[in-house]
Amino acid sequence: MKKEQDPIKEVRRIRDSYAKKFDYDIDAIAKDIKEKEKKSERKIVSFAAKSNVKKAG
């Protein structure tokens, strides 16, 4: 596989570039994502935790 065609490296490069914009501050990244969700016309789906899941053991 050619270097520029490696999808994993490309995703990691993009992810690092995005995080660098926020000085790797996870709170700032989360805030930006939430703001983008609010502006988006896409439906945001949230899955609630299931309370009836049995624990192993």
Protein backbone atom coordinates (compact mmCIF):
# COMPACT_ATOMS: atom_id res chain seq x y z
CA MET A 1 0.00 0.00 0.00
CA LYS A 2 1.33 3.41 -0.90
CA LYS A 3 2.01 5.78 1.96
CA GLU A 4 -0.62 8.33 0.89
CA GLN A 5 -3.23 5.58 0.53
CA ASP A 6 -2.94 4.25 4.09
CA PRO A 7 -6.40 5.01 5.54
CA ILE A 8 -5.36 4.49 9.16
CA LYS A 9 -2.52 6.99 8.89
CA GLU A 10 -4.82 9.44 7.11
CA VAL A 11 -7.47 9.21 9.87
CA ARG A 12 -4.82 9.65 12.54
CA ARG A 13 -3.37 12.68 10.72
CA ILE A 14 -6.81 14.30 10.46
CA ARG A 15 -7.62 13.51 14.09
CA ASP A 16 -4.32 14.98 15.27
CA SER A 17 -4.83 18.09 13.15
CA TYR A 18 -8.30 18.60 14.66
CA ALA A 19 -7.05 18.09 18.23
CA LYS A 20 -4.13 20.45 17.65
CA LYS A 21 -6.60 23.27 16.84
CA PHE A 22 -7.76 23.01 20.46
CA ASP A 23 -4.28 22.50 21.95
CA TYR A 24 -5.34 18.88 22.68
CA ASP A 25 -7.87 20.15 25.28
CA ILE A 26 -10.55 17.45 25.47
CA ASP A 27 -13.10 19.83 27.00
CA ALA A 28 -12.65 22.32 24.14
CA ILE A 29 -12.92 19.50 21.59
CA ALA A 30 -16.14 18.23 23.20
CA LYS A 31 -17.58 21.76 23.27
CA ASP A 32 -16.80 22.19 19.55
CA ILE A 33 -18.47 18.88 18.72
CA LYS A 34 -21.59 19.83 20.70
CA GLU A 35 -21.77 23.18 18.90
CA LYS A 36 -21.48 21.42 15.54
CA GLU A 37 -24.28 19.03 16.57
CA LYS A 38 -26.56 21.97 17.40
CA LYS A 39 -25.90 23.61 14.03
CA SER A 40 -26.31 20.38 12.10
CA GLU A 41 -29.56 19.50 10.38
CA ARG A 42 -28.97 15.83 11.13
CA LYS A 43 -30.93 14.08 13.83
CA ILE A 44 -28.77 13.34 16.88
CA VAL A 45 -29.59 10.00 18.48
CA SER A 46 -28.73 9.16 22.06
CA PHE A 47 -28.99 5.66 23.45
CA ALA A 48 -29.94 5.40 27.11
CA ALA A 49 -28.21 2.82 29.26
CA LYS A 50 -30.24 -0.37 29.65
CA SER A 51 -31.20 -0.94 33.26
CA ASN A 52 -32.39 -4.52 32.72
CA VAL A 53 -29.05 -5.92 31.56
CA LYS A 54 -27.97 -8.87 33.70
CA LYS A 55 -24.43 -8.87 35.06
CA ALA A 56 -22.23 -11.86 34.33
CA GLY A 57 -21.29 -14.06 37.23
